[in-house]
Amino acid sequence: MSYLLIGIGGAFGAICRYILGLAVMRNYQDTFPRGTWIINITGSFLLGLLFNLHTQGLIQDWAMSLFGVGFCGAYTTFSTFGNETVQLIVANKLKLAAMYVGSSVLLTLTAAWLGWVI
């Protein structure tokens, strides 16, 4: 049953990531990969929140499988983050690449922590 819940959550997470990524990039035409940046920050916040609720026994294992592992796992995207960073480096946008990496790490960790403490 867990596999099915993870798959369902993953399908919805991937669809949400795709739609949000397109919407963000449609509104911002600069070279900063803002879509992935926003997705990873919000996904880190949500997973931090879910993990804390789960450890307190406020959400069941099935909900953690569906939303935490499935949805958040497919919604956030480390591989895209890595690829976009390489693209910035290859385009010789080293400052922008450094800003992307630094702010992504700092903000996703902060978002996960905020999700945990809320």
PDB file of N, CA and C in Angstrom:
ATOM      1  N   MET A   1       0.818  -1.199   0.000  1.00  0.00           N
ATOM      2  CA  MET A   1       0.000   0.000   0.000  1.00  0.00           C
ATOM      3  C   MET A   1       0.861   1.262   0.000  1.00  0.00           C
ATOM      4  N   SER A   2       1.991   1.229   0.730  1.00  0.00           N
ATOM      5  CA  SER A   2       2.879   2.394   0.775  1.00  0.00           C
ATOM      6  C   SER A   2       3.375   2.770  -0.617  1.00  0.00           C
ATOM      7  N   TYR A   3       3.711   1.762  -1.421  1.00  0.00           N
ATOM      8  CA  TYR A   3       4.211   2.043  -2.766  1.00  0.00           C
ATOM      9  C   TYR A   3       3.170   2.780  -3.606  1.00  0.00           C
ATOM     10  N   LEU A   4       1.931   2.379  -3.483  1.00  0.00           N
ATOM     11  CA  LEU A   4       0.859   3.027  -4.224  1.00  0.00           C
ATOM     12  C   LEU A   4       0.688   4.477  -3.772  1.00  0.00           C
ATOM     13  N   LEU A   5       0.705   4.705  -2.459  1.00  0.00           N
ATOM     14  CA  LEU A   5       0.577   6.068  -1.937  1.00  0.00           C
ATOM     15  C   LEU A   5       1.745   6.943  -2.372  1.00  0.00           C
ATOM     16  N   ILE A   6       2.944   6.403  -2.335  1.00  0.00           N
ATOM     17  CA  ILE A   6       4.124   7.156  -2.773  1.00  0.00           C
ATOM     18  C   ILE A   6       4.008   7.492  -4.260  1.00  0.00           C
ATOM     19  N   GLY A   7       3.558   6.535  -5.048  1.00  0.00           N
ATOM     20  CA  GLY A   7       3.381   6.769  -6.485  1.00  0.00           C
ATOM     21  C   GLY A   7       2.341   7.833  -6.783  1.00  0.00           C
ATOM     22  N   ILE A   8       1.224   7.782  -6.078  1.00  0.00           N
ATOM     23  CA  ILE A   8       0.164   8.788  -6.278  1.00  0.00           C
ATOM     24  C   ILE A   8       0.670  10.169  -5.865  1.00  0.00           C
ATOM     25  N   GLY A   9       1.290  10.238  -4.683  1.00  0.00           N
ATOM     26  CA  GLY A   9       1.841  11.512  -4.230  1.00  0.00           C
ATOM     27  C   GLY A   9       2.907  12.028  -5.174  1.00  0.00           C
ATOM     28  N   GLY A  10       3.751  11.124  -5.668  1.00  0.00           N
ATOM     29  CA  GLY A  10       4.796  11.511  -6.602  1.00  0.00           C
ATOM     30  C   GLY A  10       4.242  12.055  -7.905  1.00  0.00           C
ATOM     31  N   ALA A  11       3.173  11.448  -8.391  1.00  0.00           N
ATOM     32  CA  ALA A  11       2.558  11.944  -9.627  1.00  0.00           C
ATOM     33  C   ALA A  11       2.057  13.371  -9.441  1.00  0.00           C
ATOM     34  N   PHE A  12       1.367  13.614  -8.345  1.00  0.00           N
ATOM     35  CA  PHE A  12       0.858  14.965  -8.083  1.00  0.00           C
ATOM     36  C   PHE A  12       1.991  15.953  -7.820  1.00  0.00           C
ATOM     37  N   GLY A  13       3.027  15.512  -7.128  1.00  0.00           N
ATOM     38  CA  GLY A  13       4.176  16.389  -6.875  1.00  0.00           C
ATOM     39  C   GLY A  13       4.872  16.798  -8.162  1.00  0.00           C
ATOM     40  N   ALA A  14       5.055  15.837  -9.061  1.00  0.00           N
ATOM     41  CA  ALA A  14       5.715  16.129 -10.337  1.00  0.00           C
ATOM     42  C   ALA A  14       4.873  17.080 -11.183  1.00  0.00           C
ATOM     43  N   ILE A  15       3.575  16.865 -11.202  1.00  0.00           N
ATOM     44  CA  ILE A  15       2.686  17.745 -11.966  1.00  0.00           C
ATOM     45  C   ILE A  15       2.705  19.157 -11.384  1.00  0.00           C
ATOM     46  N   CYS A  16       2.641  19.255 -10.063  1.00  0.00           N
ATOM     47  CA  CYS A  16       2.674  20.583  -9.420  1.00  0.00           C
ATOM     48  C   CYS A  16       3.993  21.295  -9.693  1.00  0.00           C
ATOM     49  N   ARG A  17       5.101  20.541  -9.630  1.00  0.00           N
ATOM     50  CA  ARG A  17       6.414  21.134  -9.914  1.00  0.00           C
ATOM     51  C   ARG A  17       6.456  21.671 -11.333  1.00  0.00           C
ATOM     52  N   TYR A  18       5.960  20.910 -12.274  1.00  0.00           N
ATOM     53  CA  TYR A  18       5.978  21.316 -13.675  1.00  0.00           C
ATOM     54  C   TYR A  18       5.133  22.573 -13.892  1.00  0.00           C
ATOM     55  N   ILE A  19       3.915  22.583 -13.356  1.00  0.00           N
ATOM     56  CA  ILE A  19       3.019  23.721 -13.538  1.00  0.00           C
ATOM     57  C   ILE A  19       3.577  24.972 -12.869  1.00  0.00           C
ATOM     58  N   LEU A  20       4.045  24.848 -11.630  1.00  0.00           N
ATOM     59  CA  LEU A  20       4.594  25.997 -10.929  1.00  0.00           C
ATOM     60  C   LEU A  20       5.863  26.498 -11.614  1.00  0.00           C
ATOM     61  N   GLY A  21       6.716  25.594 -12.049  1.00  0.00           N
ATOM     62  CA  GLY A  21       7.934  25.994 -12.755  1.00  0.00           C
ATOM     63  C   GLY A  21       7.626  26.790 -14.011  1.00  0.00           C
ATOM     64  N   LEU A  22       6.658  26.339 -14.785  1.00  0.00           N
ATOM     65  CA  LEU A  22       6.258  27.072 -15.994  1.00  0.00           C
ATOM     66  C   LEU A  22       5.677  28.437 -15.646  1.00  0.00           C
ATOM     67  N   ALA A  23       4.827  28.484 -14.638  1.00  0.00           N
ATOM     68  CA  ALA A  23       4.194  29.751 -14.252  1.00  0.00           C
ATOM     69  C   ALA A  23       5.230  30.769 -13.792  1.00  0.00           C
ATOM     70  N   VAL A  24       6.173  30.332 -13.011  1.00  0.00           N
ATOM     71  CA  VAL A  24       7.199  31.253 -12.516  1.00  0.00           C
ATOM     72  C   VAL A  24       8.073  31.742 -13.662  1.00  0.00           C
ATOM     73  N   MET A  25       8.514  30.848 -14.506  1.00  0.00           N
ATOM     74  CA  MET A  25       9.397  31.244 -15.605  1.00  0.00           C
ATOM     75  C   MET A  25       8.668  32.103 -16.634  1.00  0.00           C
ATOM     76  N   ARG A  26       7.371  31.958 -16.739  1.00  0.00           N
ATOM     77  CA  ARG A  26       6.592  32.785 -17.655  1.00  0.00           C
ATOM     78  C   ARG A  26       6.560  34.228 -17.155  1.00  0.00           C
ATOM     79  N   ASN A  27       6.560  34.405 -15.844  1.00  0.00           N
ATOM     80  CA  ASN A  27       6.496  35.743 -15.253  1.00  0.00           C
ATOM     81  C   ASN A  27       7.861  36.388 -15.060  1.00  0.00           C
ATOM     82  N   TYR A  28       8.932  35.596 -15.069  1.00  0.00           N
ATOM     83  CA  TYR A  28      10.283  36.116 -14.884  1.00  0.00           C
ATOM     84  C   TYR A  28      11.152  35.589 -16.016  1.00  0.00           C
ATOM     85  N   GLN A  29      11.575  36.461 -16.886  1.00  0.00           N
ATOM     86  CA  GLN A  29      12.335  36.040 -18.062  1.00  0.00           C
ATOM     87  C   GLN A  29      13.846  36.202 -17.882  1.00  0.00           C
ATOM     88  N   ASP A  30      14.323  36.361 -16.651  1.00  0.00           N
ATOM     89  CA  ASP A  30      15.760  36.489 -16.437  1.00  0.00           C
ATOM     90  C   ASP A  30      16.431  35.119 -16.452  1.00  0.00           C
ATOM     91  N   THR A  31      17.738  35.089 -16.255  1.00  0.00           N
ATOM     92  CA  THR A  31      18.466  33.821 -16.335  1.00  0.00           C
ATOM     93  C   THR A  31      18.536  33.092 -15.000  1.00  0.00           C
ATOM     94  N   PHE A  32      18.096  33.709 -13.911  1.00  0.00           N
ATOM     95  CA  PHE A  32      18.103  33.052 -12.608  1.00  0.00           C
ATOM     96  C   PHE A  32      17.028  31.972 -12.601  1.00  0.00           C
ATOM     97  N   PRO A  33      17.366  30.738 -12.241  1.00  0.00           N
ATOM     98  CA  PRO A  33      16.393  29.637 -12.266  1.00  0.00           C
ATOM     99  C   PRO A  33      15.411  29.717 -11.097  1.00  0.00           C
ATOM    100  N   ARG A  34      14.609  30.737 -11.123  1.00  0.00           N
ATOM    101  CA  ARG A  34      13.694  31.074 -10.031  1.00  0.00           C
ATOM    102  C   ARG A  34      12.652  29.987  -9.771  1.00  0.00           C
ATOM    103  N   GLY A  35      12.199  29.304 -10.806  1.00  0.00           N
ATOM    104  CA  GLY A  35      11.177  28.270 -10.616  1.00  0.00           C
ATOM    105  C   GLY A  35      11.663  27.152  -9.712  1.00  0.00           C
ATOM    106  N   THR A  36      12.804  26.570 -10.041  1.00  0.00           N
ATOM    107  CA  THR A  36      13.364  25.499  -9.223  1.00  0.00           C
ATOM    108  C   THR A  36      13.694  26.006  -7.831  1.00  0.00           C
ATOM    109  N   TRP A  37      14.193  27.226  -7.752  1.00  0.00           N
ATOM    110  CA  TRP A  37      14.565  27.854  -6.478  1.00  0.00           C
ATOM    111  C   TRP A  37      13.342  27.929  -5.555  1.00  0.00           C
ATOM    112  N   ILE A  38      12.226  28.441  -6.057  1.00  0.00           N
ATOM    113  CA  ILE A  38      10.994  28.558  -5.272  1.00  0.00           C
ATOM    114  C   ILE A  38      10.457  27.175  -4.908  1.00  0.00           C
ATOM    115  N   ILE A  39      10.471  26.275  -5.856  1.00  0.00           N
ATOM    116  CA  ILE A  39       9.968  24.920  -5.625  1.00  0.00           C
ATOM    117  C   ILE A  39      10.764  24.226  -4.519  1.00  0.00           C
ATOM    118  N   ASN A  40      12.076  24.307  -4.569  1.00  0.00           N
ATOM    119  CA  ASN A  40      12.894  23.634  -3.562  1.00  0.00           C
ATOM    120  C   ASN A  40      12.719  24.261  -2.179  1.00  0.00           C
ATOM    121  N   ILE A  41      12.544  25.569  -2.115  1.00  0.00           N
ATOM    122  CA  ILE A  41      12.331  26.230  -0.815  1.00  0.00           C
ATOM    123  C   ILE A  41      10.975  25.834  -0.239  1.00  0.00           C
ATOM    124  N   THR A  42       9.921  25.921  -1.040  1.00  0.00           N
ATOM    125  CA  THR A  42       8.589  25.581  -0.528  1.00  0.00           C
ATOM    126  C   THR A  42       8.481  24.089  -0.206  1.00  0.00           C
ATOM    127  N   GLY A  43       9.114  23.252  -1.017  1.00  0.00           N
ATOM    128  CA  GLY A  43       9.105  21.819  -0.740  1.00  0.00           C
ATOM    129  C   GLY A  43       9.860  21.474   0.535  1.00  0.00           C
ATOM    130  N   SER A  44      10.962  22.171   0.786  1.00  0.00           N
ATOM    131  CA  SER A  44      11.714  21.945   2.022  1.00  0.00           C
ATOM    132  C   SER A  44      10.900  22.354   3.237  1.00  0.00           C
ATOM    133  N   PHE A  45      10.184  23.470   3.118  1.00  0.00           N
ATOM    134  CA  PHE A  45       9.314  23.910   4.213  1.00  0.00           C
ATOM    135  C   PHE A  45       8.236  22.863   4.488  1.00  0.00           C
ATOM    136  N   LEU A  46       7.571  22.412   3.434  1.00  0.00           N
ATOM    137  CA  LEU A  46       6.493  21.439   3.592  1.00  0.00           C
ATOM    138  C   LEU A  46       7.006  20.137   4.193  1.00  0.00           C
ATOM    139  N   LEU A  47       8.152  19.649   3.723  1.00  0.00           N
ATOM    140  CA  LEU A  47       8.678  18.397   4.256  1.00  0.00           C
ATOM    141  C   LEU A  47       9.098  18.550   5.716  1.00  0.00           C
ATOM    142  N   GLY A  48       9.667  19.704   6.073  1.00  0.00           N
ATOM    143  CA  GLY A  48      10.007  19.942   7.475  1.00  0.00           C
ATOM    144  C   GLY A  48       8.774  19.924   8.361  1.00  0.00           C
ATOM    145  N   LEU A  49       7.716  20.568   7.891  1.00  0.00           N
ATOM    146  CA  LEU A  49       6.448  20.598   8.621  1.00  0.00           C
ATOM    147  C   LEU A  49       5.873  19.189   8.761  1.00  0.00           C
ATOM    148  N   LEU A  50       5.809  18.461   7.667  1.00  0.00           N
ATOM    149  CA  LEU A  50       5.260  17.101   7.695  1.00  0.00           C
ATOM    150  C   LEU A  50       6.066  16.178   8.587  1.00  0.00           C
ATOM    151  N   PHE A  51       7.390  16.283   8.506  1.00  0.00           N
ATOM    152  CA  PHE A  51       8.243  15.411   9.310  1.00  0.00           C
ATOM    153  C   PHE A  51       8.015  15.664  10.796  1.00  0.00           C
ATOM    154  N   ASN A  52       7.906  16.925  11.175  1.00  0.00           N
ATOM    155  CA  ASN A  52       7.665  17.243  12.581  1.00  0.00           C
ATOM    156  C   ASN A  52       6.295  16.728  13.026  1.00  0.00           C
ATOM    157  N   LEU A  53       5.276  16.937  12.211  1.00  0.00           N
ATOM    158  CA  LEU A  53       3.940  16.438  12.558  1.00  0.00           C
ATOM    159  C   LEU A  53       3.940  14.921  12.691  1.00  0.00           C
ATOM    160  N   HIS A  54       4.693  14.263  11.816  1.00  0.00           N
ATOM    161  CA  HIS A  54       4.765  12.814  11.851  1.00  0.00           C
ATOM    162  C   HIS A  54       5.478  12.328  13.110  1.00  0.00           C
ATOM    163  N   THR A  55       6.578  12.961  13.470  1.00  0.00           N
ATOM    164  CA  THR A  55       7.311  12.521  14.666  1.00  0.00           C
ATOM    165  C   THR A  55       6.517  12.775  15.944  1.00  0.00           C
ATOM    166  N   GLN A  56       5.598  13.726  15.903  1.00  0.00           N
ATOM    167  CA  GLN A  56       4.737  13.981  17.057  1.00  0.00           C
ATOM    168  C   GLN A  56       3.496  13.091  17.057  1.00  0.00           C
ATOM    169  N   GLY A  57       3.337  12.290  16.029  1.00  0.00           N
ATOM    170  CA  GLY A  57       2.188  11.402  15.937  1.00  0.00           C
ATOM    171  C   GLY A  57       0.919  12.100  15.470  1.00  0.00           C
ATOM    172  N   LEU A  58       1.056  13.296  14.890  1.00  0.00           N
ATOM    173  CA  LEU A  58      -0.116  14.053  14.454  1.00  0.00           C
ATOM    174  C   LEU A  58      -0.570  13.694  13.050  1.00  0.00           C
ATOM    175  N   ILE A  59       0.283  13.043  12.273  1.00  0.00           N
ATOM    176  CA  ILE A  59      -0.144  12.494  10.987  1.00  0.00           C
ATOM    177  C   ILE A  59       0.320  11.042  10.919  1.00  0.00           C
ATOM    178  N   GLN A  60      -0.446  10.243  10.265  1.00  0.00           N
ATOM    179  CA  GLN A  60      -0.206   8.803  10.173  1.00  0.00           C
ATOM    180  C   GLN A  60       0.888   8.480   9.152  1.00  0.00           C
ATOM    181  N   ASP A  61       1.372   7.252   9.213  1.00  0.00           N
ATOM    182  CA  ASP A  61       2.401   6.789   8.284  1.00  0.00           C
ATOM    183  C   ASP A  61       1.944   6.902   6.831  1.00  0.00           C
ATOM    184  N   TRP A  62       0.672   6.562   6.563  1.00  0.00           N
ATOM    185  CA  TRP A  62       0.189   6.618   5.193  1.00  0.00           C
ATOM    186  C   TRP A  62       0.245   8.043   4.649  1.00  0.00           C
ATOM    187  N   ALA A  63      -0.046   9.046   5.495  1.00  0.00           N
ATOM    188  CA  ALA A  63      -0.005  10.444   5.047  1.00  0.00           C
ATOM    189  C   ALA A  63       1.432  10.876   4.791  1.00  0.00           C
ATOM    190  N   MET A  64       2.356  10.390   5.603  1.00  0.00           N
ATOM    191  CA  MET A  64       3.763  10.713   5.380  1.00  0.00           C
ATOM    192  C   MET A  64       4.251  10.085   4.080  1.00  0.00           C
ATOM    193  N   SER A  65       3.803   8.871   3.797  1.00  0.00           N
ATOM    194  CA  SER A  65       4.164   8.231   2.533  1.00  0.00           C
ATOM    195  C   SER A  65       3.612   9.020   1.347  1.00  0.00           C
ATOM    196  N   LEU A  66       2.357   9.403   1.425  1.00  0.00           N
ATOM    197  CA  LEU A  66       1.699  10.115   0.332  1.00  0.00           C
ATOM    198  C   LEU A  66       2.282  11.510   0.123  1.00  0.00           C
ATOM    199  N   PHE A  67       2.334  12.299   1.194  1.00  0.00           N
ATOM    200  CA  PHE A  67       2.723  13.700   1.066  1.00  0.00           C
ATOM    201  C   PHE A  67       4.224  13.937   1.243  1.00  0.00           C
ATOM    202  N   GLY A  68       4.831  13.300   2.233  1.00  0.00           N
ATOM    203  CA  GLY A  68       6.243  13.534   2.503  1.00  0.00           C
ATOM    204  C   GLY A  68       7.153  12.869   1.486  1.00  0.00           C
ATOM    205  N   VAL A  69       7.023  11.547   1.375  1.00  0.00           N
ATOM    206  CA  VAL A  69       7.897  10.802   0.466  1.00  0.00           C
ATOM    207  C   VAL A  69       7.467  11.009  -0.987  1.00  0.00           C
ATOM    208  N   GLY A  70       6.186  10.808  -1.278  1.00  0.00           N
ATOM    209  CA  GLY A  70       5.699  10.893  -2.658  1.00  0.00           C
ATOM    210  C   GLY A  70       5.661  12.303  -3.204  1.00  0.00           C
ATOM    211  N   PHE A  71       4.799  13.136  -2.622  1.00  0.00           N
ATOM    212  CA  PHE A  71       4.612  14.486  -3.154  1.00  0.00           C
ATOM    213  C   PHE A  71       5.890  15.311  -3.065  1.00  0.00           C
ATOM    214  N   CYS A  72       6.450  15.437  -1.866  1.00  0.00           N
ATOM    215  CA  CYS A  72       7.648  16.277  -1.699  1.00  0.00           C
ATOM    216  C   CYS A  72       8.841  15.715  -2.459  1.00  0.00           C
ATOM    217  N   GLY A  73       8.943  14.392  -2.511  1.00  0.00           N
ATOM    218  CA  GLY A  73      10.049  13.775  -3.237  1.00  0.00           C
ATOM    219  C   GLY A  73      10.029  14.105  -4.721  1.00  0.00           C
ATOM    220  N   ALA A  74       8.859  14.156  -5.310  1.00  0.00           N
ATOM    221  CA  ALA A  74       8.751  14.477  -6.736  1.00  0.00           C
ATOM    222  C   ALA A  74       8.651  15.978  -6.977  1.00  0.00           C
ATOM    223  N   TYR A  75       8.132  16.704  -6.021  1.00  0.00           N
ATOM    224  CA  TYR A  75       7.963  18.153  -6.161  1.00  0.00           C
ATOM    225  C   TYR A  75       9.310  18.878  -6.139  1.00  0.00           C
ATOM    226  N   THR A  76      10.152  18.530  -5.192  1.00  0.00           N
ATOM    227  CA  THR A  76      11.478  19.150  -5.145  1.00  0.00           C
ATOM    228  C   THR A  76      12.386  18.443  -6.139  1.00  0.00           C
ATOM    229  N   THR A  77      13.435  19.127  -6.557  1.00  0.00           N
ATOM    230  CA  THR A  77      14.218  18.562  -7.639  1.00  0.00           C
ATOM    231  C   THR A  77      15.690  18.952  -7.569  1.00  0.00           C
ATOM    232  N   PHE A  78      16.464  18.094  -6.953  1.00  0.00           N
ATOM    233  CA  PHE A  78      17.887  18.367  -6.820  1.00  0.00           C
ATOM    234  C   PHE A  78      18.623  18.188  -8.149  1.00  0.00           C
ATOM    235  N   SER A  79      18.177  17.274  -8.978  1.00  0.00           N
ATOM    236  CA  SER A  79      18.848  17.070 -10.264  1.00  0.00           C
ATOM    237  C   SER A  79      18.701  18.298 -11.165  1.00  0.00           C
ATOM    238  N   THR A  80      17.532  18.919 -11.166  1.00  0.00           N
ATOM    239  CA  THR A  80      17.341  20.135 -11.951  1.00  0.00           C
ATOM    240  C   THR A  80      18.206  21.262 -11.398  1.00  0.00           C
ATOM    241  N   PHE A  81      18.275  21.358 -10.079  1.00  0.00           N
ATOM    242  CA  PHE A  81      19.139  22.351  -9.424  1.00  0.00           C
ATOM    243  C   PHE A  81      20.586  22.187  -9.898  1.00  0.00           C
ATOM    244  N   GLY A  82      21.082  20.972  -9.900  1.00  0.00           N
ATOM    245  CA  GLY A  82      22.449  20.721 -10.347  1.00  0.00           C
ATOM    246  C   GLY A  82      22.649  21.080 -11.807  1.00  0.00           C
ATOM    247  N   ASN A  83      21.719  20.695 -12.653  1.00  0.00           N
ATOM    248  CA  ASN A  83      21.810  20.977 -14.082  1.00  0.00           C
ATOM    249  C   ASN A  83      21.763  22.475 -14.354  1.00  0.00           C
ATOM    250  N   GLU A  84      20.871  23.194 -13.693  1.00  0.00           N
ATOM    251  CA  GLU A  84      20.782  24.639 -13.895  1.00  0.00           C
ATOM    252  C   GLU A  84      22.048  25.348 -13.417  1.00  0.00           C
ATOM    253  N   THR A  85      22.638  24.859 -12.350  1.00  0.00           N
ATOM    254  CA  THR A  85      23.899  25.435 -11.868  1.00  0.00           C
ATOM    255  C   THR A  85      25.000  25.238 -12.905  1.00  0.00           C
ATOM    256  N   VAL A  86      25.088  24.047 -13.473  1.00  0.00           N
ATOM    257  CA  VAL A  86      26.090  23.781 -14.511  1.00  0.00           C
ATOM    258  C   VAL A  86      25.850  24.672 -15.727  1.00  0.00           C
ATOM    259  N   GLN A  87      24.591  24.854 -16.116  1.00  0.00           N
ATOM    260  CA  GLN A  87      24.281  25.721 -17.255  1.00  0.00           C
ATOM    261  C   GLN A  87      24.741  27.156 -17.005  1.00  0.00           C
ATOM    262  N   LEU A  88      24.548  27.651 -15.786  1.00  0.00           N
ATOM    263  CA  LEU A  88      25.016  29.000 -15.449  1.00  0.00           C
ATOM    264  C   LEU A  88      26.540  29.081 -15.514  1.00  0.00           C
ATOM    265  N   ILE A  89      27.218  28.058 -15.034  1.00  0.00           N
ATOM    266  CA  ILE A  89      28.686  28.040 -15.062  1.00  0.00           C
ATOM    267  C   ILE A  89      29.189  27.999 -16.499  1.00  0.00           C
ATOM    268  N   VAL A  90      28.593  27.135 -17.323  1.00  0.00           N
ATOM    269  CA  VAL A  90      28.997  27.026 -18.723  1.00  0.00           C
ATOM    270  C   VAL A  90      28.757  28.347 -19.464  1.00  0.00           C
ATOM    271  N   ALA A  91      27.698  29.065 -19.090  1.00  0.00           N
ATOM    272  CA  ALA A  91      27.395  30.363 -19.694  1.00  0.00           C
ATOM    273  C   ALA A  91      28.256  31.480 -19.095  1.00  0.00           C
ATOM    274  N   ASN A  92      29.219  31.107 -18.263  1.00  0.00           N
ATOM    275  CA  ASN A  92      30.136  32.041 -17.606  1.00  0.00           C
ATOM    276  C   ASN A  92      29.404  33.065 -16.722  1.00  0.00           C
ATOM    277  N   LYS A  93      28.323  32.630 -16.118  1.00  0.00           N
ATOM    278  CA  LYS A  93      27.571  33.460 -15.168  1.00  0.00           C
ATOM    279  C   LYS A  93      27.904  32.959 -13.761  1.00  0.00           C
ATOM    280  N   LEU A  94      29.170  33.090 -13.424  1.00  0.00           N
ATOM    281  CA  LEU A  94      29.685  32.500 -12.190  1.00  0.00           C
ATOM    282  C   LEU A  94      29.084  33.147 -10.945  1.00  0.00           C
ATOM    283  N   LYS A  95      28.907  34.456 -10.971  1.00  0.00           N
ATOM    284  CA  LYS A  95      28.307  35.138  -9.813  1.00  0.00           C
ATOM    285  C   LYS A  95      26.875  34.668  -9.594  1.00  0.00           C
ATOM    286  N   LEU A  96      26.141  34.568 -10.686  1.00  0.00           N
ATOM    287  CA  LEU A  96      24.752  34.117 -10.596  1.00  0.00           C
ATOM    288  C   LEU A  96      24.693  32.662 -10.122  1.00  0.00           C
ATOM    289  N   ALA A  97      25.600  31.833 -10.598  1.00  0.00           N
ATOM    290  CA  ALA A  97      25.651  30.432 -10.159  1.00  0.00           C
ATOM    291  C   ALA A  97      25.949  30.348  -8.665  1.00  0.00           C
ATOM    292  N   ALA A  98      26.906  31.140  -8.210  1.00  0.00           N
ATOM    293  CA  ALA A  98      27.250  31.134  -6.784  1.00  0.00           C
ATOM    294  C   ALA A  98      26.084  31.636  -5.940  1.00  0.00           C
ATOM    295  N   MET A  99      25.401  32.670  -6.425  1.00  0.00           N
ATOM    296  CA  MET A  99      24.236  33.194  -5.700  1.00  0.00           C
ATOM    297  C   MET A  99      23.122  32.141  -5.642  1.00  0.00           C
ATOM    298  N   TYR A 100      22.913  31.436  -6.732  1.00  0.00           N
ATOM    299  CA  TYR A 100      21.883  30.398  -6.797  1.00  0.00           C
ATOM    300  C   TYR A 100      22.182  29.272  -5.811  1.00  0.00           C
ATOM    301  N   VAL A 101      23.407  28.783  -5.830  1.00  0.00           N
ATOM    302  CA  VAL A 101      23.786  27.680  -4.939  1.00  0.00           C
ATOM    303  C   VAL A 101      23.707  28.125  -3.485  1.00  0.00           C
ATOM    304  N   GLY A 102      24.320  29.262  -3.181  1.00  0.00           N
ATOM    305  CA  GLY A 102      24.347  29.742  -1.797  1.00  0.00           C
ATOM    306  C   GLY A 102      22.966  30.026  -1.244  1.00  0.00           C
ATOM    307  N   SER A 103      22.166  30.749  -2.023  1.00  0.00           N
ATOM    308  CA  SER A 103      20.821  31.090  -1.531  1.00  0.00           C
ATOM    309  C   SER A 103      19.927  29.862  -1.464  1.00  0.00           C
ATOM    310  N   SER A 104      20.099  28.919  -2.395  1.00  0.00           N
ATOM    311  CA  SER A 104      19.290  27.696  -2.365  1.00  0.00           C
ATOM    312  C   SER A 104      19.579  26.888  -1.108  1.00  0.00           C
ATOM    313  N   VAL A 105      20.850  26.705  -0.805  1.00  0.00           N
ATOM    314  CA  VAL A 105      21.213  25.922   0.376  1.00  0.00           C
ATOM    315  C   VAL A 105      20.730  26.624   1.641  1.00  0.00           C
ATOM    316  N   LEU A 106      21.013  27.909   1.748  1.00  0.00           N
ATOM    317  CA  LEU A 106      20.615  28.656   2.945  1.00  0.00           C
ATOM    318  C   LEU A 106      19.092  28.688   3.113  1.00  0.00           C
ATOM    319  N   LEU A 107      18.377  28.992   2.042  1.00  0.00           N
ATOM    320  CA  LEU A 107      16.926  29.147   2.156  1.00  0.00           C
ATOM    321  C   LEU A 107      16.191  27.819   2.289  1.00  0.00           C
ATOM    322  N   THR A 108      16.666  26.751   1.636  1.00  0.00           N
ATOM    323  CA  THR A 108      15.978  25.473   1.811  1.00  0.00           C
ATOM    324  C   THR A 108      16.199  24.927   3.217  1.00  0.00           C
ATOM    325  N   LEU A 109      17.400  25.118   3.765  1.00  0.00           N
ATOM    326  CA  LEU A 109      17.630  24.698   5.152  1.00  0.00           C
ATOM    327  C   LEU A 109      16.790  25.521   6.122  1.00  0.00           C
ATOM    328  N   THR A 110      16.722  26.813   5.883  1.00  0.00           N
ATOM    329  CA  THR A 110      15.893  27.681   6.739  1.00  0.00           C
ATOM    330  C   THR A 110      14.425  27.307   6.613  1.00  0.00           C
ATOM    331  N   ALA A 111      13.970  27.044   5.391  1.00  0.00           N
ATOM    332  CA  ALA A 111      12.564  26.672   5.191  1.00  0.00           C
ATOM    333  C   ALA A 111      12.246  25.350   5.874  1.00  0.00           C
ATOM    334  N   ALA A 112      13.149  24.363   5.772  1.00  0.00           N
ATOM    335  CA  ALA A 112      12.927  23.077   6.443  1.00  0.00           C
ATOM    336  C   ALA A 112      12.858  23.281   7.953  1.00  0.00           C
ATOM    337  N   TRP A 113      13.741  24.104   8.470  1.00  0.00           N
ATOM    338  CA  TRP A 113      13.740  24.387   9.913  1.00  0.00           C
ATOM    339  C   TRP A 113      12.446  25.093  10.325  1.00  0.00           C
ATOM    340  N   LEU A 114      12.005  26.092   9.536  1.00  0.00           N
ATOM    341  CA  LEU A 114      10.750  26.786   9.849  1.00  0.00           C
ATOM    342  C   LEU A 114       9.564  25.830   9.818  1.00  0.00           C
ATOM    343  N   GLY A 115       9.542  24.951   8.825  1.00  0.00           N
ATOM    344  CA  GLY A 115       8.489  23.951   8.776  1.00  0.00           C
ATOM    345  C   GLY A 115       8.498  23.061  10.004  1.00  0.00           C
ATOM    346  N   TRP A 116       9.674  22.745  10.488  1.00  0.00           N
ATOM    347  CA  TRP A 116       9.815  21.905  11.674  1.00  0.00           C
ATOM    348  C   TRP A 116       9.301  22.616  12.920  1.00  0.00           C
ATOM    349  N   VAL A 117       9.635  23.885  13.082  1.00  0.00           N
ATOM    350  CA  VAL A 117       9.300  24.578  14.334  1.00  0.00           C
ATOM    351  C   VAL A 117       7.878  25.102  14.373  1.00  0.00           C
ATOM    352  N   ILE A 118       7.230  25.217  13.247  1.00  0.00           N
ATOM    353  CA  ILE A 118       5.851  25.760  13.230  1.00  0.00           C
ATOM    354  C   ILE A 118       4.877  24.719  13.749  1.00  0.00           C
TER     355      ILE A 118
END
